[in-house]
Amino acid sequence: IDYYDFLQENLLERIGLNNTTLEFDKSGNFIGGSSVYASARDYARFGYLYLRDGLWEDEQVIPKEWIKATQIPKSNTGGIYKNKFWLIDSRFEEGYGLPEDTYYCAGFGGQYILIIPSKDIVLVRLGETYRDTSSGNKVLNYLGEIVKIFPDMKMNWFMQNKIIVYTSNNCSYCVRAKKLLEQKGLSYEEINIQIRTDQREEMISKSNG
């Protein structure tokens, strides 16, 4: 299969990157380290694919193992790089005020795709801001201030309380709810009940247990 067709079929089309252009060199090789042109929404989709460990609408587009490996820096990079992604290190400008689990794509002129599992968010920044090495990376510091607004998922009640999923037979909503919890790595107790058709098919509640 042609290299371009492989990327088109296995990535762009599968997650709906309809406004993305990949640039190849004269030999037909994907440049990779640069020259990917996309809308903010497409960049966000790509980031969301990583945030969900490579899963897109119940389909594993990228192996979960690859996503997890990307978050562990190579030893010869000073602890800040792996698989085309940059990672946060508090030794550099105090990590820009970003959570330690942040990893991101950095593009020319201050383009960023930040992936932050502990906040459960993807943050995309487009612009044309060239870094002044004498003053550090102001853009990342500003983005760090924005990220602080979002609550930490570790403080979410899902992480502090027992989750009970009440299910009934042939309940599609219940299946989706369980998959969502599993994607987030949250444990739950399932209780199967019989309910009338005029009642809600799905109920998720927390308990003091």
C-alpha atoms as a PDB file:
ATOM      1  CA  ILE A   1       0.000   0.000   0.000  1.00  0.00           C
ATOM      2  CA  ASP A   2       1.211   3.513  -0.780  1.00  0.00           C
ATOM      3  CA  TYR A   3       2.603   5.432   2.207  1.00  0.00           C
ATOM      4  CA  TYR A   4       0.178   8.318   1.746  1.00  0.00           C
ATOM      5  CA  ASP A   5      -2.784   5.977   1.310  1.00  0.00           C
ATOM      6  CA  PHE A   6      -1.820   4.147   4.506  1.00  0.00           C
ATOM      7  CA  LEU A   7      -1.909   7.355   6.552  1.00  0.00           C
ATOM      8  CA  GLN A   8      -5.075   8.498   4.830  1.00  0.00           C
ATOM      9  CA  GLU A   9      -6.965   5.257   5.467  1.00  0.00           C
ATOM     10  CA  ASN A  10      -5.612   4.379   8.903  1.00  0.00           C
ATOM     11  CA  LEU A  11      -5.504   7.776  10.556  1.00  0.00           C
ATOM     12  CA  LEU A  12      -7.038  10.732   8.738  1.00  0.00           C
ATOM     13  CA  GLU A  13     -10.240   9.056   7.595  1.00  0.00           C
ATOM     14  CA  ARG A  14     -10.693   6.954  10.715  1.00  0.00           C
ATOM     15  CA  ILE A  15     -10.821   9.891  13.123  1.00  0.00           C
ATOM     16  CA  GLY A  16     -12.241  12.485  10.733  1.00  0.00           C
ATOM     17  CA  LEU A  17      -9.223  14.684  10.008  1.00  0.00           C
ATOM     18  CA  ASN A  18     -10.921  16.288   7.020  1.00  0.00           C
ATOM     19  CA  ASN A  19      -8.968  19.536   7.113  1.00  0.00           C
ATOM     20  CA  THR A  20      -5.461  18.144   7.443  1.00  0.00           C
ATOM     21  CA  THR A  21      -2.659  18.126   4.882  1.00  0.00           C
ATOM     22  CA  LEU A  22       0.498  16.052   5.331  1.00  0.00           C
ATOM     23  CA  GLU A  23       3.576  17.167   3.445  1.00  0.00           C
ATOM     24  CA  PHE A  24       6.008  14.711   1.850  1.00  0.00           C
ATOM     25  CA  ASP A  25       9.515  15.266   0.510  1.00  0.00           C
ATOM     26  CA  LYS A  26      10.605  14.667  -3.099  1.00  0.00           C
ATOM     27  CA  SER A  27      11.272  10.998  -2.342  1.00  0.00           C
ATOM     28  CA  GLY A  28       7.738  10.504  -1.060  1.00  0.00           C
ATOM     29  CA  ASN A  29       8.712  10.327   2.610  1.00  0.00           C
ATOM     30  CA  PHE A  30       6.465  11.888   5.229  1.00  0.00           C
ATOM     31  CA  ILE A  31       8.501  14.638   6.895  1.00  0.00           C
ATOM     32  CA  GLY A  32       6.869  13.984  10.263  1.00  0.00           C
ATOM     33  CA  GLY A  33       8.762  16.501  12.347  1.00  0.00           C
ATOM     34  CA  SER A  34       7.038  19.419  10.613  1.00  0.00           C
ATOM     35  CA  SER A  35       4.784  20.431   7.720  1.00  0.00           C
ATOM     36  CA  VAL A  36       1.469  19.127   8.983  1.00  0.00           C
ATOM     37  CA  TYR A  37      -1.219  21.679   8.195  1.00  0.00           C
ATOM     38  CA  ALA A  38      -4.583  21.382   9.927  1.00  0.00           C
ATOM     39  CA  SER A  39      -7.465  23.248  11.496  1.00  0.00           C
ATOM     40  CA  ALA A  40      -7.663  23.663  15.265  1.00  0.00           C
ATOM     41  CA  ARG A  41     -10.480  21.099  15.390  1.00  0.00           C
ATOM     42  CA  ASP A  42      -8.403  18.516  13.535  1.00  0.00           C
ATOM     43  CA  TYR A  43      -5.441  19.089  15.835  1.00  0.00           C
ATOM     44  CA  ALA A  44      -7.816  18.644  18.766  1.00  0.00           C
ATOM     45  CA  ARG A  45      -9.103  15.388  17.307  1.00  0.00           C
ATOM     46  CA  PHE A  46      -5.563  14.089  17.022  1.00  0.00           C
ATOM     47  CA  GLY A  47      -4.850  15.098  20.610  1.00  0.00           C
ATOM     48  CA  TYR A  48      -8.087  13.505  21.779  1.00  0.00           C
ATOM     49  CA  LEU A  49      -7.043  10.231  20.154  1.00  0.00           C
ATOM     50  CA  TYR A  50      -3.980  10.239  22.413  1.00  0.00           C
ATOM     51  CA  LEU A  51      -5.967  11.363  25.448  1.00  0.00           C
ATOM     52  CA  ARG A  52      -8.173   8.277  24.986  1.00  0.00           C
ATOM     53  CA  ASP A  53      -5.170   5.940  24.685  1.00  0.00           C
ATOM     54  CA  GLY A  54      -5.560   5.495  20.921  1.00  0.00           C
ATOM     55  CA  LEU A  55      -9.251   4.537  21.098  1.00  0.00           C
ATOM     56  CA  TRP A  56     -11.723   6.193  18.730  1.00  0.00           C
ATOM     57  CA  GLU A  57     -15.407   5.269  18.864  1.00  0.00           C
ATOM     58  CA  ASP A  58     -14.697   1.782  20.242  1.00  0.00           C
ATOM     59  CA  GLU A  59     -11.949   1.197  17.671  1.00  0.00           C
ATOM     60  CA  GLN A  60      -8.272   0.962  18.641  1.00  0.00           C
ATOM     61  CA  VAL A  61      -6.615   3.209  16.045  1.00  0.00           C
ATOM     62  CA  ILE A  62      -3.219   3.411  17.773  1.00  0.00           C
ATOM     63  CA  PRO A  63      -1.997   0.697  20.170  1.00  0.00           C
ATOM     64  CA  LYS A  64      -2.471   1.686  23.799  1.00  0.00           C
ATOM     65  CA  GLU A  65       1.053   0.468  24.514  1.00  0.00           C
ATOM     66  CA  TRP A  66       2.460   3.018  22.069  1.00  0.00           C
ATOM     67  CA  ILE A  67       0.518   5.837  23.761  1.00  0.00           C
ATOM     68  CA  LYS A  68       1.770   4.838  27.205  1.00  0.00           C
ATOM     69  CA  ALA A  69       5.350   4.495  25.938  1.00  0.00           C
ATOM     70  CA  THR A  70       5.142   8.000  24.487  1.00  0.00           C
ATOM     71  CA  GLN A  71       4.627   9.385  27.995  1.00  0.00           C
ATOM     72  CA  ILE A  72       7.930   7.931  29.216  1.00  0.00           C
ATOM     73  CA  PRO A  73      10.894  10.034  28.031  1.00  0.00           C
ATOM     74  CA  LYS A  74      13.946   8.589  26.327  1.00  0.00           C
ATOM     75  CA  SER A  75      16.976   8.645  28.594  1.00  0.00           C
ATOM     76  CA  ASN A  76      19.111  10.489  26.043  1.00  0.00           C
ATOM     77  CA  THR A  77      16.676  13.429  25.732  1.00  0.00           C
ATOM     78  CA  GLY A  78      17.141  14.929  29.172  1.00  0.00           C
ATOM     79  CA  GLY A  79      13.753  13.576  30.180  1.00  0.00           C
ATOM     80  CA  ILE A  80      11.701  15.762  27.838  1.00  0.00           C
ATOM     81  CA  TYR A  81      11.083  13.888  24.571  1.00  0.00           C
ATOM     82  CA  LYS A  82       9.666  10.654  23.143  1.00  0.00           C
ATOM     83  CA  ASN A  83       8.002   9.576  19.881  1.00  0.00           C
ATOM     84  CA  LYS A  84       7.734  13.124  18.465  1.00  0.00           C
ATOM     85  CA  PHE A  85       6.152  14.453  21.675  1.00  0.00           C
ATOM     86  CA  TRP A  86       7.589  16.795  24.288  1.00  0.00           C
ATOM     87  CA  LEU A  87       7.148  16.102  27.985  1.00  0.00           C
ATOM     88  CA  ILE A  88       7.094  18.369  31.024  1.00  0.00           C
ATOM     89  CA  ASP A  89      10.132  18.592  33.267  1.00  0.00           C
ATOM     90  CA  SER A  90       9.907  20.816  36.345  1.00  0.00           C
ATOM     91  CA  ARG A  91      13.609  21.687  35.968  1.00  0.00           C
ATOM     92  CA  PHE A  92      12.698  23.861  32.975  1.00  0.00           C
ATOM     93  CA  GLU A  93      10.845  27.042  33.961  1.00  0.00           C
ATOM     94  CA  GLU A  94       9.090  25.066  36.714  1.00  0.00           C
ATOM     95  CA  GLY A  95       7.279  23.036  34.094  1.00  0.00           C
ATOM     96  CA  TYR A  96       5.496  26.138  32.769  1.00  0.00           C
ATOM     97  CA  GLY A  97       2.915  25.642  35.503  1.00  0.00           C
ATOM     98  CA  LEU A  98       1.532  22.616  33.663  1.00  0.00           C
ATOM     99  CA  PRO A  99       0.656  19.269  35.304  1.00  0.00           C
ATOM    100  CA  GLU A 100       3.512  16.784  35.347  1.00  0.00           C
ATOM    101  CA  ASP A 101       1.634  14.316  33.117  1.00  0.00           C
ATOM    102  CA  THR A 102       1.311  16.870  30.290  1.00  0.00           C
ATOM    103  CA  TYR A 103       2.800  15.888  26.947  1.00  0.00           C
ATOM    104  CA  TYR A 104       2.496  17.898  23.783  1.00  0.00           C
ATOM    105  CA  CYS A 105       3.217  18.590  20.134  1.00  0.00           C
ATOM    106  CA  ALA A 106       5.124  21.816  19.479  1.00  0.00           C
ATOM    107  CA  GLY A 107       4.923  23.371  16.036  1.00  0.00           C
ATOM    108  CA  PHE A 108       6.567  26.251  14.224  1.00  0.00           C
ATOM    109  CA  GLY A 109       5.622  29.707  15.452  1.00  0.00           C
ATOM    110  CA  GLY A 110       4.083  28.599  18.738  1.00  0.00           C
ATOM    111  CA  GLN A 111       1.548  25.991  17.614  1.00  0.00           C
ATOM    112  CA  TYR A 112       0.709  23.549  20.402  1.00  0.00           C
ATOM    113  CA  ILE A 113      -1.400  20.476  21.097  1.00  0.00           C
ATOM    114  CA  LEU A 114      -1.364  19.871  24.851  1.00  0.00           C
ATOM    115  CA  ILE A 115      -2.608  16.519  26.146  1.00  0.00           C
ATOM    116  CA  ILE A 116      -3.263  16.464  29.888  1.00  0.00           C
ATOM    117  CA  PRO A 117      -4.703  13.189  31.251  1.00  0.00           C
ATOM    118  CA  SER A 118      -4.970  14.431  34.860  1.00  0.00           C
ATOM    119  CA  LYS A 119      -7.243  17.249  33.671  1.00  0.00           C
ATOM    120  CA  ASP A 120      -8.928  15.136  30.969  1.00  0.00           C
ATOM    121  CA  ILE A 121      -8.429  17.911  28.431  1.00  0.00           C
ATOM    122  CA  VAL A 122      -6.765  18.646  25.104  1.00  0.00           C
ATOM    123  CA  LEU A 123      -5.702  22.241  24.536  1.00  0.00           C
ATOM    124  CA  VAL A 124      -4.851  23.522  21.053  1.00  0.00           C
ATOM    125  CA  ARG A 125      -3.117  26.819  20.408  1.00  0.00           C
ATOM    126  CA  LEU A 126      -2.646  28.277  16.910  1.00  0.00           C
ATOM    127  CA  GLY A 127      -0.759  31.476  16.280  1.00  0.00           C
ATOM    128  CA  GLU A 128       2.457  33.068  15.140  1.00  0.00           C
ATOM    129  CA  THR A 129       4.570  33.759  18.198  1.00  0.00           C
ATOM    130  CA  TYR A 130       8.278  33.221  17.885  1.00  0.00           C
ATOM    131  CA  ARG A 131      10.165  32.400  21.015  1.00  0.00           C
ATOM    132  CA  ASP A 132      12.469  34.950  22.585  1.00  0.00           C
ATOM    133  CA  THR A 133      15.171  32.775  24.116  1.00  0.00           C
ATOM    134  CA  SER A 134      16.101  35.532  26.562  1.00  0.00           C
ATOM    135  CA  SER A 135      12.674  35.463  28.209  1.00  0.00           C
ATOM    136  CA  GLY A 136      11.842  31.753  28.052  1.00  0.00           C
ATOM    137  CA  ASN A 137       8.721  30.220  26.587  1.00  0.00           C
ATOM    138  CA  LYS A 138       6.012  32.738  27.404  1.00  0.00           C
ATOM    139  CA  VAL A 139       3.365  30.950  25.344  1.00  0.00           C
ATOM    140  CA  LEU A 140       3.641  27.740  27.370  1.00  0.00           C
ATOM    141  CA  ASN A 141       3.612  29.757  30.579  1.00  0.00           C
ATOM    142  CA  TYR A 142       0.396  31.473  29.466  1.00  0.00           C
ATOM    143  CA  LEU A 143      -1.123  28.121  28.531  1.00  0.00           C
ATOM    144  CA  GLY A 144      -0.146  26.847  31.957  1.00  0.00           C
ATOM    145  CA  GLU A 145      -2.213  29.634  33.519  1.00  0.00           C
ATOM    146  CA  ILE A 146      -5.213  28.648  31.396  1.00  0.00           C
ATOM    147  CA  VAL A 147      -4.910  24.981  32.347  1.00  0.00           C
ATOM    148  CA  LYS A 148      -5.031  25.861  36.050  1.00  0.00           C
ATOM    149  CA  ILE A 149      -8.652  26.934  35.568  1.00  0.00           C
ATOM    150  CA  PHE A 150      -9.706  23.354  34.838  1.00  0.00           C
ATOM    151  CA  PRO A 151     -10.360  21.055  37.818  1.00  0.00           C
ATOM    152  CA  ASP A 152      -8.043  18.173  38.503  1.00  0.00           C
ATOM    153  CA  MET A 153      -9.734  14.867  37.682  1.00  0.00           C
ATOM    154  CA  LYS A 154      -8.129  13.369  40.789  1.00  0.00           C
ATOM    155  CA  MET A 155     -10.368  15.641  42.834  1.00  0.00           C
ATOM    156  CA  ASN A 156     -13.446  14.558  40.932  1.00  0.00           C
ATOM    157  CA  TRP A 157     -16.000  12.579  42.924  1.00  0.00           C
ATOM    158  CA  PHE A 158     -15.571   9.694  40.500  1.00  0.00           C
ATOM    159  CA  MET A 159     -12.131   9.180  42.024  1.00  0.00           C
ATOM    160  CA  GLN A 160     -13.252   9.555  45.628  1.00  0.00           C
ATOM    161  CA  ASN A 161     -16.488   7.571  45.767  1.00  0.00           C
ATOM    162  CA  LYS A 162     -17.726   4.178  44.855  1.00  0.00           C
ATOM    163  CA  ILE A 163     -19.525   4.143  41.510  1.00  0.00           C
ATOM    164  CA  ILE A 164     -22.609   1.987  41.035  1.00  0.00           C
ATOM    165  CA  VAL A 165     -23.943   1.330  37.549  1.00  0.00           C
ATOM    166  CA  TYR A 166     -27.537   0.125  37.530  1.00  0.00           C
ATOM    167  CA  THR A 167     -28.198  -1.854  34.360  1.00  0.00           C
ATOM    168  CA  SER A 168     -31.049  -3.693  32.738  1.00  0.00           C
ATOM    169  CA  ASN A 169     -31.173  -6.202  29.920  1.00  0.00           C
ATOM    170  CA  ASN A 170     -30.526  -4.874  26.398  1.00  0.00           C
ATOM    171  CA  CYS A 171     -29.591  -1.421  27.689  1.00  0.00           C
ATOM    172  CA  SER A 172     -27.283   0.240  25.151  1.00  0.00           C
ATOM    173  CA  TYR A 173     -26.792   3.279  27.377  1.00  0.00           C
ATOM    174  CA  CYS A 174     -25.502   1.059  30.170  1.00  0.00           C
ATOM    175  CA  VAL A 175     -22.926  -0.510  27.862  1.00  0.00           C
ATOM    176  CA  ARG A 176     -21.703   2.927  26.792  1.00  0.00           C
ATOM    177  CA  ALA A 177     -21.503   4.103  30.404  1.00  0.00           C
ATOM    178  CA  LYS A 178     -19.413   1.098  31.414  1.00  0.00           C
ATOM    179  CA  LYS A 179     -17.053   1.574  28.474  1.00  0.00           C
ATOM    180  CA  LEU A 180     -16.591   5.222  29.387  1.00  0.00           C
ATOM    181  CA  LEU A 181     -15.712   4.335  32.975  1.00  0.00           C
ATOM    182  CA  GLU A 182     -13.288   1.658  31.796  1.00  0.00           C
ATOM    183  CA  GLN A 183     -11.602   4.099  29.417  1.00  0.00           C
ATOM    184  CA  LYS A 184     -11.032   6.432  32.348  1.00  0.00           C
ATOM    185  CA  GLY A 185      -9.648   3.587  34.433  1.00  0.00           C
ATOM    186  CA  LEU A 186     -12.452   3.836  36.987  1.00  0.00           C
ATOM    187  CA  SER A 187     -13.772   0.825  38.870  1.00  0.00           C
ATOM    188  CA  TYR A 188     -17.467   0.333  39.446  1.00  0.00           C
ATOM    189  CA  GLU A 189     -20.038  -2.083  40.825  1.00  0.00           C
ATOM    190  CA  GLU A 190     -22.726  -3.309  38.441  1.00  0.00           C
ATOM    191  CA  ILE A 191     -26.232  -4.082  39.673  1.00  0.00           C
ATOM    192  CA  ASN A 192     -28.740  -5.532  37.232  1.00  0.00           C
ATOM    193  CA  ILE A 193     -32.333  -4.501  37.847  1.00  0.00           C
ATOM    194  CA  GLN A 194     -35.676  -4.849  36.074  1.00  0.00           C
ATOM    195  CA  ILE A 195     -37.265  -1.525  35.177  1.00  0.00           C
ATOM    196  CA  ARG A 196     -40.325  -0.449  33.273  1.00  0.00           C
ATOM    197  CA  THR A 197     -39.910   0.819  29.738  1.00  0.00           C
ATOM    198  CA  ASP A 198     -41.182   4.231  30.744  1.00  0.00           C
ATOM    199  CA  GLN A 199     -38.355   4.608  33.233  1.00  0.00           C
ATOM    200  CA  ARG A 200     -34.826   5.649  32.444  1.00  0.00           C
ATOM    201  CA  GLU A 201     -32.732   2.763  31.192  1.00  0.00           C
ATOM    202  CA  GLU A 202     -29.584   3.963  32.821  1.00  0.00           C
ATOM    203  CA  MET A 203     -28.822   5.297  36.258  1.00  0.00           C
ATOM    204  CA  ILE A 204     -25.386   6.046  37.580  1.00  0.00           C
ATOM    205  CA  SER A 205     -25.150   7.181  41.168  1.00  0.00           C
ATOM    206  CA  LYS A 206     -22.537   7.515  43.812  1.00  0.00           C
ATOM    207  CA  SER A 207     -22.740   6.111  47.287  1.00  0.00           C
ATOM    208  CA  ASN A 208     -20.973   6.845  50.529  1.00  0.00           C
ATOM    209  CA  GLY A 209     -19.503   3.323  50.471  1.00  0.00           C
END
